[in-house]
Amino acid sequence: FTQLREGLRARQALIRVAKSDYYPTFFAAFYLSYAVSSNRD
């Protein structure tokens, strides 16, 4: 029964992934690198 429950959960996750393929995916990322050393010019 545990295997059956987990299999149904996996199936539902696959269905959600297949439905999400119909929608566009957008993302935004920001990168910051900051280094200050007091003994350097």
Full PDB file with SEQRES, HELIX, SHEET, SSBOND, CRYST1, ORIGX, SCALE, CONECT and MASTER records, all heavy atoms in Angstrom:
SEQRES   1 A   41  PHE THR GLN LEU ARG GLU GLY LEU ARG ALA ARG GLN ALA          
SEQRES   2 A   41  LEU ILE ARG VAL ALA LYS SER ASP TYR TYR PRO THR PHE          
SEQRES   3 A   41  PHE ALA ALA PHE TYR LEU SER TYR ALA VAL SER SER ASN          
SEQRES   4 A   41  ARG ASP                                                      
HELIX    1 AA1 THR A    2  SER A   20  1                                  19    
CRYST1    1.000    1.000    1.000  90.00  90.00  90.00 P 1           1          
ORIGX1      1.000000  0.000000  0.000000        0.00000                         
ORIGX2      0.000000  1.000000  0.000000        0.00000                         
ORIGX3      0.000000  0.000000  1.000000        0.00000                         
SCALE1      1.000000  0.000000  0.000000        0.00000                         
SCALE2      0.000000  1.000000  0.000000        0.00000                         
SCALE3      0.000000  0.000000  1.000000        0.00000                         
ATOM      1  N   PHE A   1       0.825  -1.206   0.000  1.00  0.00           N  
ATOM      2  CA  PHE A   1       0.000   0.000   0.000  1.00  0.00           C  
ATOM      3  C   PHE A   1       0.858   1.254   0.000  1.00  0.00           C  
ATOM      4  O   PHE A   1       0.514   2.259  -0.622  1.00  0.00           O  
ATOM      5  CB  PHE A   1      -0.947  -0.002   1.208  1.00  0.00           C  
ATOM      6  CG  PHE A   1      -2.042  -1.031   1.092  1.00  0.00           C  
ATOM      7  CD1 PHE A   1      -2.042  -2.152   1.901  1.00  0.00           C  
ATOM      8  CD2 PHE A   1      -3.059  -0.870   0.180  1.00  0.00           C  
ATOM      9  CE1 PHE A   1      -3.034  -3.095   1.791  1.00  0.00           C  
ATOM     10  CE2 PHE A   1      -4.064  -1.814   0.067  1.00  0.00           C  
ATOM     11  CZ  PHE A   1      -4.046  -2.935   0.870  1.00  0.00           C  
ATOM     12  N   THR A   2       1.990   1.212   0.706  1.00  0.00           N  
ATOM     13  CA  THR A   2       2.906   2.350   0.691  1.00  0.00           C  
ATOM     14  C   THR A   2       3.446   2.574  -0.714  1.00  0.00           C  
ATOM     15  O   THR A   2       3.517   3.706  -1.202  1.00  0.00           O  
ATOM     16  CB  THR A   2       4.068   2.107   1.667  1.00  0.00           C  
ATOM     17  OG1 THR A   2       3.536   1.848   2.962  1.00  0.00           O  
ATOM     18  CG2 THR A   2       4.993   3.294   1.734  1.00  0.00           C  
ATOM     19  N   GLN A   3       3.805   1.491  -1.384  1.00  0.00           N  
ATOM     20  CA  GLN A   3       4.306   1.593  -2.754  1.00  0.00           C  
ATOM     21  C   GLN A   3       3.226   2.156  -3.682  1.00  0.00           C  
ATOM     22  O   GLN A   3       3.506   2.998  -4.538  1.00  0.00           O  
ATOM     23  CB  GLN A   3       4.758   0.215  -3.226  1.00  0.00           C  
ATOM     24  CG  GLN A   3       5.408   0.210  -4.576  1.00  0.00           C  
ATOM     25  CD  GLN A   3       5.877  -1.181  -4.968  1.00  0.00           C  
ATOM     26  OE1 GLN A   3       5.510  -2.168  -4.346  1.00  0.00           O  
ATOM     27  NE2 GLN A   3       6.671  -1.245  -5.996  1.00  0.00           N  
ATOM     28  N   LEU A   4       1.991   1.718  -3.481  1.00  0.00           N  
ATOM     29  CA  LEU A   4       0.888   2.222  -4.297  1.00  0.00           C  
ATOM     30  C   LEU A   4       0.661   3.709  -4.051  1.00  0.00           C  
ATOM     31  O   LEU A   4       0.492   4.484  -5.002  1.00  0.00           O  
ATOM     32  CB  LEU A   4      -0.385   1.432  -3.975  1.00  0.00           C  
ATOM     33  CG  LEU A   4      -1.626   1.783  -4.778  1.00  0.00           C  
ATOM     34  CD1 LEU A   4      -1.400   1.492  -6.246  1.00  0.00           C  
ATOM     35  CD2 LEU A   4      -2.815   1.012  -4.258  1.00  0.00           C  
ATOM     36  N   ARG A   5       0.696   4.135  -2.780  1.00  0.00           N  
ATOM     37  CA  ARG A   5       0.518   5.558  -2.450  1.00  0.00           C  
ATOM     38  C   ARG A   5       1.616   6.407  -3.085  1.00  0.00           C  
ATOM     39  O   ARG A   5       1.352   7.450  -3.685  1.00  0.00           O  
ATOM     40  CB  ARG A   5       0.558   5.727  -0.927  1.00  0.00           C  
ATOM     41  CG  ARG A   5      -0.723   6.134  -0.299  1.00  0.00           C  
ATOM     42  CD  ARG A   5      -0.605   6.528   1.146  1.00  0.00           C  
ATOM     43  NE  ARG A   5       0.433   5.926   1.933  1.00  0.00           N  
ATOM     44  CZ  ARG A   5       0.321   4.793   2.620  1.00  0.00           C  
ATOM     45  NH1 ARG A   5      -0.794   4.113   2.592  1.00  0.00           N  
ATOM     46  NH2 ARG A   5       1.327   4.335   3.319  1.00  0.00           N  
ATOM     47  N   GLU A   6       2.864   5.956  -2.950  1.00  0.00           N  
ATOM     48  CA  GLU A   6       3.987   6.718  -3.523  1.00  0.00           C  
ATOM     49  C   GLU A   6       3.931   6.727  -5.045  1.00  0.00           C  
ATOM     50  O   GLU A   6       4.304   7.713  -5.682  1.00  0.00           O  
ATOM     51  CB  GLU A   6       5.312   6.149  -3.030  1.00  0.00           C  
ATOM     52  CG  GLU A   6       5.526   6.291  -1.543  1.00  0.00           C  
ATOM     53  CD  GLU A   6       5.478   7.720  -1.068  1.00  0.00           C  
ATOM     54  OE1 GLU A   6       6.008   8.610  -1.774  1.00  0.00           O  
ATOM     55  OE2 GLU A   6       4.905   7.970  -0.001  1.00  0.00           O  
ATOM     56  N   GLY A   7       3.483   5.642  -5.631  1.00  0.00           N  
ATOM     57  CA  GLY A   7       3.329   5.604  -7.090  1.00  0.00           C  
ATOM     58  C   GLY A   7       2.283   6.590  -7.573  1.00  0.00           C  
ATOM     59  O   GLY A   7       2.469   7.256  -8.599  1.00  0.00           O  
ATOM     60  N   LEU A   8       1.175   6.705  -6.826  1.00  0.00           N  
ATOM     61  CA  LEU A   8       0.145   7.679  -7.196  1.00  0.00           C  
ATOM     62  C   LEU A   8       0.653   9.109  -7.036  1.00  0.00           C  
ATOM     63  O   LEU A   8       0.355   9.975  -7.862  1.00  0.00           O  
ATOM     64  CB  LEU A   8      -1.108   7.464  -6.340  1.00  0.00           C  
ATOM     65  CG  LEU A   8      -1.907   6.196  -6.676  1.00  0.00           C  
ATOM     66  CD1 LEU A   8      -3.029   6.001  -5.676  1.00  0.00           C  
ATOM     67  CD2 LEU A   8      -2.449   6.260  -8.088  1.00  0.00           C  
ATOM     68  N   ARG A   9       1.436   9.355  -5.981  1.00  0.00           N  
ATOM     69  CA  ARG A   9       2.021  10.689  -5.815  1.00  0.00           C  
ATOM     70  C   ARG A   9       2.977  11.021  -6.960  1.00  0.00           C  
ATOM     71  O   ARG A   9       3.006  12.145  -7.460  1.00  0.00           O  
ATOM     72  CB  ARG A   9       2.780  10.779  -4.491  1.00  0.00           C  
ATOM     73  CG  ARG A   9       1.903  10.977  -3.316  1.00  0.00           C  
ATOM     74  CD  ARG A   9       2.736  11.234  -2.084  1.00  0.00           C  
ATOM     75  NE  ARG A   9       1.915  11.125  -0.907  1.00  0.00           N  
ATOM     76  CZ  ARG A   9       2.360  10.786   0.278  1.00  0.00           C  
ATOM     77  NH1 ARG A   9       3.637  10.514   0.458  1.00  0.00           N  
ATOM     78  NH2 ARG A   9       1.547  10.713   1.308  1.00  0.00           N  
ATOM     79  N   ALA A  10       3.773  10.050  -7.368  1.00  0.00           N  
ATOM     80  CA  ALA A  10       4.706  10.269  -8.479  1.00  0.00           C  
ATOM     81  C   ALA A  10       3.942  10.538  -9.773  1.00  0.00           C  
ATOM     82  O   ALA A  10       4.331  11.392 -10.572  1.00  0.00           O  
ATOM     83  CB  ALA A  10       5.623   9.065  -8.638  1.00  0.00           C  
ATOM     84  N   ARG A  11       2.844   9.822  -9.957  1.00  0.00           N  
ATOM     85  CA  ARG A  11       2.028  10.017 -11.152  1.00  0.00           C  
ATOM     86  C   ARG A  11       1.433  11.428 -11.165  1.00  0.00           C  
ATOM     87  O   ARG A  11       1.411  12.093 -12.206  1.00  0.00           O  
ATOM     88  CB  ARG A  11       0.922   8.958 -11.180  1.00  0.00           C  
ATOM     89  CG  ARG A  11       0.167   8.921 -12.456  1.00  0.00           C  
ATOM     90  CD  ARG A  11       1.043   8.378 -13.521  1.00  0.00           C  
ATOM     91  NE  ARG A  11       0.222   7.986 -14.644  1.00  0.00           N  
ATOM     92  CZ  ARG A  11       0.679   7.854 -15.833  1.00  0.00           C  
ATOM     93  NH1 ARG A  11       1.950   8.037 -16.060  1.00  0.00           N  
ATOM     94  NH2 ARG A  11      -0.089   7.509 -16.808  1.00  0.00           N  
ATOM     95  N   GLN A  12       0.942  11.888 -10.010  1.00  0.00           N  
ATOM     96  CA  GLN A  12       0.393  13.242  -9.929  1.00  0.00           C  
ATOM     97  C   GLN A  12       1.473  14.289 -10.203  1.00  0.00           C  
ATOM     98  O   GLN A  12       1.213  15.306 -10.859  1.00  0.00           O  
ATOM     99  CB  GLN A  12      -0.224  13.482  -8.539  1.00  0.00           C  
ATOM    100  CG  GLN A  12      -1.505  12.702  -8.296  1.00  0.00           C  
ATOM    101  CD  GLN A  12      -2.606  13.111  -9.242  1.00  0.00           C  
ATOM    102  OE1 GLN A  12      -2.702  14.260  -9.654  1.00  0.00           O  
ATOM    103  NE2 GLN A  12      -3.435  12.147  -9.629  1.00  0.00           N  
ATOM    104  N   ALA A  13       2.689  14.039  -9.718  1.00  0.00           N  
ATOM    105  CA  ALA A  13       3.791  14.966  -9.983  1.00  0.00           C  
ATOM    106  C   ALA A  13       4.114  15.008 -11.475  1.00  0.00           C  
ATOM    107  O   ALA A  13       4.390  16.083 -12.029  1.00  0.00           O  
ATOM    108  CB  ALA A  13       5.022  14.568  -9.175  1.00  0.00           C  
ATOM    109  N   LEU A  14       4.082  13.865 -12.142  1.00  0.00           N  
ATOM    110  CA  LEU A  14       4.325  13.837 -13.591  1.00  0.00           C  
ATOM    111  C   LEU A  14       3.232  14.599 -14.344  1.00  0.00           C  
ATOM    112  O   LEU A  14       3.517  15.284 -15.340  1.00  0.00           O  
ATOM    113  CB  LEU A  14       4.397  12.392 -14.079  1.00  0.00           C  
ATOM    114  CG  LEU A  14       5.667  11.630 -13.734  1.00  0.00           C  
ATOM    115  CD1 LEU A  14       5.538  10.167 -14.143  1.00  0.00           C  
ATOM    116  CD2 LEU A  14       6.865  12.258 -14.416  1.00  0.00           C  
ATOM    117  N   ILE A  15       2.014  14.487 -13.872  1.00  0.00           N  
ATOM    118  CA  ILE A  15       0.916  15.213 -14.519  1.00  0.00           C  
ATOM    119  C   ILE A  15       1.112  16.717 -14.342  1.00  0.00           C  
ATOM    120  O   ILE A  15       0.924  17.504 -15.290  1.00  0.00           O  
ATOM    121  CB  ILE A  15      -0.441  14.754 -13.947  1.00  0.00           C  
ATOM    122  CG1 ILE A  15      -0.734  13.326 -14.408  1.00  0.00           C  
ATOM    123  CG2 ILE A  15      -1.567  15.688 -14.357  1.00  0.00           C  
ATOM    124  CD1 ILE A  15      -1.915  12.684 -13.734  1.00  0.00           C  
ATOM    125  N   ARG A  16       1.516  17.156 -13.143  1.00  0.00           N  
ATOM    126  CA  ARG A  16       1.765  18.581 -12.913  1.00  0.00           C  
ATOM    127  C   ARG A  16       2.902  19.087 -13.801  1.00  0.00           C  
ATOM    128  O   ARG A  16       2.841  20.198 -14.335  1.00  0.00           O  
ATOM    129  CB  ARG A  16       2.090  18.834 -11.445  1.00  0.00           C  
ATOM    130  CG  ARG A  16       0.876  18.845 -10.549  1.00  0.00           C  
ATOM    131  CD  ARG A  16       1.177  19.455  -9.196  1.00  0.00           C  
ATOM    132  NE  ARG A  16       2.312  18.832  -8.537  1.00  0.00           N  
ATOM    133  CZ  ARG A  16       2.248  17.790  -7.712  1.00  0.00           C  
ATOM    134  NH1 ARG A  16       1.078  17.240  -7.455  1.00  0.00           N  
ATOM    135  NH2 ARG A  16       3.334  17.311  -7.150  1.00  0.00           N  
ATOM    136  N   VAL A  17       3.940  18.285 -13.970  1.00  0.00           N  
ATOM    137  CA  VAL A  17       5.060  18.684 -14.830  1.00  0.00           C  
ATOM    138  C   VAL A  17       4.609  18.785 -16.277  1.00  0.00           C  
ATOM    139  O   VAL A  17       4.968  19.728 -16.996  1.00  0.00           O  
ATOM    140  CB  VAL A  17       6.236  17.685 -14.677  1.00  0.00           C  
ATOM    141  CG1 VAL A  17       7.264  17.889 -15.770  1.00  0.00           C  
ATOM    142  CG2 VAL A  17       6.868  17.832 -13.318  1.00  0.00           C  
ATOM    143  N   ALA A  18       3.788  17.823 -16.727  1.00  0.00           N  
ATOM    144  CA  ALA A  18       3.301  17.871 -18.109  1.00  0.00           C  
ATOM    145  C   ALA A  18       2.419  19.089 -18.329  1.00  0.00           C  
ATOM    146  O   ALA A  18       2.478  19.730 -19.393  1.00  0.00           O  
ATOM    147  CB  ALA A  18       2.545  16.594 -18.432  1.00  0.00           C  
ATOM    148  N   LYS A  19       1.592  19.452 -17.332  1.00  0.00           N  
ATOM    149  CA  LYS A  19       0.748  20.643 -17.468  1.00  0.00           C  
ATOM    150  C   LYS A  19       1.594  21.917 -17.478  1.00  0.00           C  
ATOM    151  O   LYS A  19       1.257  22.880 -18.145  1.00  0.00           O  
ATOM    152  CB  LYS A  19      -0.257  20.714 -16.326  1.00  0.00           C  
ATOM    153  CG  LYS A  19      -1.419  19.771 -16.476  1.00  0.00           C  
ATOM    154  CD  LYS A  19      -2.393  19.933 -15.323  1.00  0.00           C  
ATOM    155  CE  LYS A  19      -3.560  18.995 -15.467  1.00  0.00           C  
ATOM    156  NZ  LYS A  19      -4.499  19.114 -14.327  1.00  0.00           N  
ATOM    157  N   SER A  20       2.675  21.929 -16.723  1.00  0.00           N  
ATOM    158  CA  SER A  20       3.505  23.136 -16.675  1.00  0.00           C  
ATOM    159  C   SER A  20       4.246  23.372 -17.986  1.00  0.00           C  
ATOM    160  O   SER A  20       4.707  24.486 -18.232  1.00  0.00           O  
ATOM    161  CB  SER A  20       4.499  23.043 -15.522  1.00  0.00           C  
ATOM    162  OG  SER A  20       5.508  22.101 -15.804  1.00  0.00           O  
ATOM    163  N   ASP A  21       4.375  22.350 -18.824  1.00  0.00           N  
ATOM    164  CA  ASP A  21       5.022  22.540 -20.124  1.00  0.00           C  
ATOM    165  C   ASP A  21       4.198  23.429 -21.055  1.00  0.00           C  
ATOM    166  O   ASP A  21       4.725  23.959 -22.027  1.00  0.00           O  
ATOM    167  CB  ASP A  21       5.278  21.192 -20.802  1.00  0.00           C  
ATOM    168  CG  ASP A  21       6.425  20.442 -20.159  1.00  0.00           C  
ATOM    169  OD1 ASP A  21       7.228  21.079 -19.447  1.00  0.00           O  
ATOM    170  OD2 ASP A  21       6.517  19.217 -20.365  1.00  0.00           O  
ATOM    171  N   TYR A  22       2.902  23.595 -20.775  1.00  0.00           N  
ATOM    172  CA  TYR A  22       2.060  24.439 -21.613  1.00  0.00           C  
ATOM    173  C   TYR A  22       2.262  25.922 -21.325  1.00  0.00           C  
ATOM    174  O   TYR A  22       1.834  26.762 -22.099  1.00  0.00           O  
ATOM    175  CB  TYR A  22       0.582  24.084 -21.407  1.00  0.00           C  
ATOM    176  CG  TYR A  22       0.212  22.736 -21.972  1.00  0.00           C  
ATOM    177  CD1 TYR A  22      -0.186  21.709 -21.140  1.00  0.00           C  
ATOM    178  CD2 TYR A  22       0.273  22.489 -23.342  1.00  0.00           C  
ATOM    179  CE1 TYR A  22      -0.528  20.468 -21.644  1.00  0.00           C  
ATOM    180  CE2 TYR A  22      -0.058  21.258 -23.862  1.00  0.00           C  
ATOM    181  CZ  TYR A  22      -0.466  20.252 -23.012  1.00  0.00           C  
ATOM    182  OH  TYR A  22      -0.794  19.034 -23.509  1.00  0.00           O  
ATOM    183  N   TYR A  23       2.870  26.264 -20.215  1.00  0.00           N  
ATOM    184  CA  TYR A  23       3.052  27.656 -19.813  1.00  0.00           C  
ATOM    185  C   TYR A  23       4.518  28.057 -19.983  1.00  0.00           C  
ATOM    186  O   TYR A  23       5.412  27.246 -19.784  1.00  0.00           O  
ATOM    187  CB  TYR A  23       2.626  27.851 -18.357  1.00  0.00           C  
ATOM    188  CG  TYR A  23       1.194  27.468 -18.114  1.00  0.00           C  
ATOM    189  CD1 TYR A  23       0.893  26.296 -17.443  1.00  0.00           C  
ATOM    190  CD2 TYR A  23       0.158  28.269 -18.572  1.00  0.00           C  
ATOM    191  CE1 TYR A  23      -0.425  25.930 -17.224  1.00  0.00           C  
ATOM    192  CE2 TYR A  23      -1.161  27.906 -18.363  1.00  0.00           C  
ATOM    193  CZ  TYR A  23      -1.450  26.737 -17.687  1.00  0.00           C  
ATOM    194  OH  TYR A  23      -2.740  26.376 -17.485  1.00  0.00           O  
ATOM    195  N   PRO A  24       4.751  29.326 -20.317  1.00  0.00           N  
ATOM    196  CA  PRO A  24       6.147  29.771 -20.450  1.00  0.00           C  
ATOM    197  C   PRO A  24       6.814  29.878 -19.078  1.00  0.00           C  
ATOM    198  O   PRO A  24       6.155  30.087 -18.061  1.00  0.00           O  
ATOM    199  CB  PRO A  24       6.034  31.144 -21.108  1.00  0.00           C  
ATOM    200  CG  PRO A  24       4.660  31.609 -20.771  1.00  0.00           C  
ATOM    201  CD  PRO A  24       3.799  30.386 -20.654  1.00  0.00           C  
ATOM    202  N   THR A  25       8.101  29.719 -19.080  1.00  0.00           N  
ATOM    203  CA  THR A  25       8.881  29.823 -17.859  1.00  0.00           C  
ATOM    204  C   THR A  25       9.751  31.066 -17.940  1.00  0.00           C  
ATOM    205  O   THR A  25      10.492  31.239 -18.903  1.00  0.00           O  
ATOM    206  CB  THR A  25       9.775  28.569 -17.689  1.00  0.00           C  
ATOM    207  OG1 THR A  25       8.951  27.416 -17.713  1.00  0.00           O  
ATOM    208  CG2 THR A  25      10.526  28.615 -16.387  1.00  0.00           C  
ATOM    209  N   PHE A  26       9.628  31.911 -16.956  1.00  0.00           N  
ATOM    210  CA  PHE A  26      10.420  33.122 -16.884  1.00  0.00           C  
ATOM    211  C   PHE A  26      11.312  33.043 -15.659  1.00  0.00           C  
ATOM    212  O   PHE A  26      10.943  32.438 -14.649  1.00  0.00           O  
ATOM    213  CB  PHE A  26       9.529  34.370 -16.761  1.00  0.00           C  
ATOM    214  CG  PHE A  26       8.633  34.569 -17.935  1.00  0.00           C  
ATOM    215  CD1 PHE A  26       7.283  34.302 -17.830  1.00  0.00           C  
ATOM    216  CD2 PHE A  26       9.129  35.031 -19.134  1.00  0.00           C  
ATOM    217  CE1 PHE A  26       6.448  34.484 -18.913  1.00  0.00           C  
ATOM    218  CE2 PHE A  26       8.304  35.216 -20.226  1.00  0.00           C  
ATOM    219  CZ  PHE A  26       6.951  34.942 -20.111  1.00  0.00           C  
ATOM    220  N   PHE A  27      12.468  33.670 -15.756  1.00  0.00           N  
ATOM    221  CA  PHE A  27      13.320  33.736 -14.578  1.00  0.00           C  
ATOM    222  C   PHE A  27      14.141  35.010 -14.634  1.00  0.00           C  
ATOM    223  O   PHE A  27      14.363  35.592 -15.691  1.00  0.00           O  
ATOM    224  CB  PHE A  27      14.243  32.514 -14.462  1.00  0.00           C  
ATOM    225  CG  PHE A  27      15.298  32.422 -15.526  1.00  0.00           C  
ATOM    226  CD1 PHE A  27      16.545  33.010 -15.337  1.00  0.00           C  
ATOM    227  CD2 PHE A  27      15.061  31.739 -16.704  1.00  0.00           C  
ATOM    228  CE1 PHE A  27      17.522  32.930 -16.305  1.00  0.00           C  
ATOM    229  CE2 PHE A  27      16.034  31.652 -17.675  1.00  0.00           C  
ATOM    230  CZ  PHE A  27      17.271  32.252 -17.480  1.00  0.00           C  
ATOM    231  N   ALA A  28      14.582  35.438 -13.465  1.00  0.00           N  
ATOM    232  CA  ALA A  28      15.446  36.603 -13.336  1.00  0.00           C  
ATOM    233  C   ALA A  28      16.477  36.291 -12.260  1.00  0.00           C  
ATOM    234  O   ALA A  28      16.161  35.670 -11.247  1.00  0.00           O  
ATOM    235  CB  ALA A  28      14.645  37.838 -12.958  1.00  0.00           C  
ATOM    236  N   ALA A  29      17.707  36.693 -12.499  1.00  0.00           N  
ATOM    237  CA  ALA A  29      18.768  36.457 -11.527  1.00  0.00           C  
ATOM    238  C   ALA A  29      19.645  37.683 -11.454  1.00  0.00           C  
ATOM    239  O   ALA A  29      19.802  38.427 -12.436  1.00  0.00           O  
ATOM    240  CB  ALA A  29      19.591  35.236 -11.927  1.00  0.00           C  
ATOM    241  N   PHE A  30      20.219  37.902 -10.308  1.00  0.00           N  
ATOM    242  CA  PHE A  30      21.090  39.043 -10.082  1.00  0.00           C  
ATOM    243  C   PHE A  30      22.389  38.520  -9.489  1.00  0.00           C  
ATOM    244  O   PHE A  30      22.377  37.670  -8.605  1.00  0.00           O  
ATOM    245  CB  PHE A  30      20.422  40.044  -9.130  1.00  0.00           C  
ATOM    246  CG  PHE A  30      21.256  41.253  -8.864  1.00  0.00           C  
ATOM    247  CD1 PHE A  30      21.431  42.221  -9.820  1.00  0.00           C  
ATOM    248  CD2 PHE A  30      21.883  41.414  -7.644  1.00  0.00           C  
ATOM    249  CE1 PHE A  30      22.201  43.344  -9.579  1.00  0.00           C  
ATOM    250  CE2 PHE A  30      22.662  42.522  -7.377  1.00  0.00           C  
ATOM    251  CZ  PHE A  30      22.819  43.495  -8.358  1.00  0.00           C  
ATOM    252  N   TYR A  31      23.495  39.031  -9.960  1.00  0.00           N  
ATOM    253  CA  TYR A  31      24.811  38.593  -9.507  1.00  0.00           C  
ATOM    254  C   TYR A  31      25.559  39.798  -8.965  1.00  0.00           C  
ATOM    255  O   TYR A  31      25.589  40.857  -9.587  1.00  0.00           O  
ATOM    256  CB  TYR A  31      25.576  37.971 -10.687  1.00  0.00           C  
ATOM    257  CG  TYR A  31      26.993  37.609 -10.385  1.00  0.00           C  
ATOM    258  CD1 TYR A  31      27.306  36.496  -9.626  1.00  0.00           C  
ATOM    259  CD2 TYR A  31      28.037  38.387 -10.865  1.00  0.00           C  
ATOM    260  CE1 TYR A  31      28.622  36.168  -9.345  1.00  0.00           C  
ATOM    261  CE2 TYR A  31      29.351  38.074 -10.595  1.00  0.00           C  
ATOM    262  CZ  TYR A  31      29.637  36.954  -9.837  1.00  0.00           C  
ATOM    263  OH  TYR A  31      30.935  36.636  -9.555  1.00  0.00           O  
ATOM    264  N   LEU A  32      26.163  39.627  -7.783  1.00  0.00           N  
ATOM    265  CA  LEU A  32      26.954  40.686  -7.176  1.00  0.00           C  
ATOM    266  C   LEU A  32      28.206  40.062  -6.579  1.00  0.00           C  
ATOM    267  O   LEU A  32      28.135  39.094  -5.824  1.00  0.00           O  
ATOM    268  CB  LEU A  32      26.164  41.392  -6.069  1.00  0.00           C  
ATOM    269  CG  LEU A  32      26.952  42.386  -5.216  1.00  0.00           C  
ATOM    270  CD1 LEU A  32      27.346  43.601  -6.043  1.00  0.00           C  
ATOM    271  CD2 LEU A  32      26.148  42.792  -4.007  1.00  0.00           C  
ATOM    272  N   SER A  33      29.353  40.606  -6.952  1.00  0.00           N  
ATOM    273  CA  SER A  33      30.616  40.191  -6.372  1.00  0.00           C  
ATOM    274  C   SER A  33      31.303  41.447  -5.862  1.00  0.00           C  
ATOM    275  O   SER A  33      31.591  42.364  -6.631  1.00  0.00           O  
ATOM    276  CB  SER A  33      31.485  39.482  -7.416  1.00  0.00           C  
ATOM    277  OG  SER A  33      32.727  39.134  -6.852  1.00  0.00           O  
ATOM    278  N   TYR A  34      31.547  41.473  -4.563  1.00  0.00           N  
ATOM    279  CA  TYR A  34      32.071  42.668  -3.926  1.00  0.00           C  
ATOM    280  C   TYR A  34      33.234  42.263  -3.038  1.00  0.00           C  
ATOM    281  O   TYR A  34      33.082  41.395  -2.163  1.00  0.00           O  
ATOM    282  CB  TYR A  34      30.963  43.321  -3.101  1.00  0.00           C  
ATOM    283  CG  TYR A  34      31.386  44.546  -2.339  1.00  0.00           C  
ATOM    284  CD1 TYR A  34      31.680  45.731  -3.001  1.00  0.00           C  
ATOM    285  CD2 TYR A  34      31.482  44.521  -0.957  1.00  0.00           C  
ATOM    286  CE1 TYR A  34      32.051  46.863  -2.299  1.00  0.00           C  
ATOM    287  CE2 TYR A  34      31.858  45.646  -0.250  1.00  0.00           C  
ATOM    288  CZ  TYR A  34      32.140  46.813  -0.913  1.00  0.00           C  
ATOM    289  OH  TYR A  34      32.508  47.923  -0.224  1.00  0.00           O  
ATOM    290  N   ALA A  35      34.403  42.824  -3.265  1.00  0.00           N  
ATOM    291  CA  ALA A  35      35.578  42.534  -2.449  1.00  0.00           C  
ATOM    292  C   ALA A  35      36.331  43.833  -2.208  1.00  0.00           C  
ATOM    293  O   ALA A  35      36.652  44.563  -3.145  1.00  0.00           O  
ATOM    294  CB  ALA A  35      36.481  41.527  -3.136  1.00  0.00           C  
ATOM    295  N   VAL A  36      36.599  44.118  -0.944  1.00  0.00           N  
ATOM    296  CA  VAL A  36      37.340  45.325  -0.575  1.00  0.00           C  
ATOM    297  C   VAL A  36      38.421  44.905   0.406  1.00  0.00           C  
ATOM    298  O   VAL A  36      38.156  44.237   1.396  1.00  0.00           O  
ATOM    299  CB  VAL A  36      36.420  46.375   0.078  1.00  0.00           C  
ATOM    300  CG1 VAL A  36      37.228  47.567   0.542  1.00  0.00           C  
ATOM    301  CG2 VAL A  36      35.348  46.811  -0.887  1.00  0.00           C  
ATOM    302  N   SER A  37      39.619  45.280   0.096  1.00  0.00           N  
ATOM    303  CA  SER A  37      40.745  44.989   0.972  1.00  0.00           C  
ATOM    304  C   SER A  37      41.349  46.310   1.417  1.00  0.00           C  
ATOM    305  O   SER A  37      41.631  47.193   0.598  1.00  0.00           O  
ATOM    306  CB  SER A  37      41.777  44.143   0.229  1.00  0.00           C  
ATOM    307  OG  SER A  37      42.842  43.824   1.075  1.00  0.00           O  
ATOM    308  N   SER A  38      41.574  46.452   2.722  1.00  0.00           N  
ATOM    309  CA  SER A  38      42.031  47.738   3.249  1.00  0.00           C  
ATOM    310  C   SER A  38      43.502  48.016   2.950  1.00  0.00           C  
ATOM    311  O   SER A  38      43.935  49.166   2.973  1.00  0.00           O  
ATOM    312  CB  SER A  38      41.788  47.782   4.756  1.00  0.00           C  
ATOM    313  OG  SER A  38      42.529  46.761   5.385  1.00  0.00           O  
ATOM    314  N   ASN A  39      44.284  47.000   2.671  1.00  0.00           N  
ATOM    315  CA  ASN A  39      45.716  47.223   2.445  1.00  0.00           C  
ATOM    316  C   ASN A  39      46.071  47.296   0.956  1.00  0.00           C  
ATOM    317  O   ASN A  39      47.228  47.169   0.597  1.00  0.00           O  
ATOM    318  CB  ASN A  39      46.546  46.148   3.140  1.00  0.00           C  
ATOM    319  CG  ASN A  39      46.241  44.760   2.615  1.00  0.00           C  
ATOM    320  OD1 ASN A  39      45.294  44.585   1.858  1.00  0.00           O  
ATOM    321  ND2 ASN A  39      47.034  43.781   3.030  1.00  0.00           N  
ATOM    322  N   ARG A  40      45.091  47.488   0.081  1.00  0.00           N  
ATOM    323  CA  ARG A  40      45.371  47.591  -1.352  1.00  0.00           C  
ATOM    324  C   ARG A  40      44.788  48.884  -1.889  1.00  0.00           C  
ATOM    325  O   ARG A  40      43.747  49.358  -1.440  1.00  0.00           O  
ATOM    326  CB  ARG A  40      44.748  46.410  -2.113  1.00  0.00           C  
ATOM    327  CG  ARG A  40      45.422  45.105  -1.818  1.00  0.00           C  
ATOM    328  CD  ARG A  40      44.791  44.026  -2.691  1.00  0.00           C  
ATOM    329  NE  ARG A  40      45.409  42.737  -2.472  1.00  0.00           N  
ATOM    330  CZ  ARG A  40      46.277  42.193  -3.282  1.00  0.00           C  
ATOM    331  NH1 ARG A  40      46.650  42.816  -4.372  1.00  0.00           N  
ATOM    332  NH2 ARG A  40      46.785  41.026  -3.021  1.00  0.00           N  
ATOM    333  N   ASP A  41      45.434  49.400  -2.910  1.00  0.00           N  
ATOM    334  CA  ASP A  41      44.931  50.596  -3.590  1.00  0.00           C  
ATOM    335  C   ASP A  41      44.026  50.162  -4.733  1.00  0.00           C  
ATOM    336  O   ASP A  41      44.218  49.104  -5.349  1.00  0.00           O  
ATOM    337  CB  ASP A  41      46.090  51.412  -4.155  1.00  0.00           C  
ATOM    338  CG  ASP A  41      46.956  52.005  -3.054  1.00  0.00           C  
ATOM    339  OD1 ASP A  41      46.388  52.291  -1.974  1.00  0.00           O  
ATOM    340  OD2 ASP A  41      48.165  52.158  -3.268  1.00  0.00           O  
TER     341      ASP A  41                                                      
MASTER        0    0    0    1    0    0    0    6  340    1    0    4          
END                                                                             
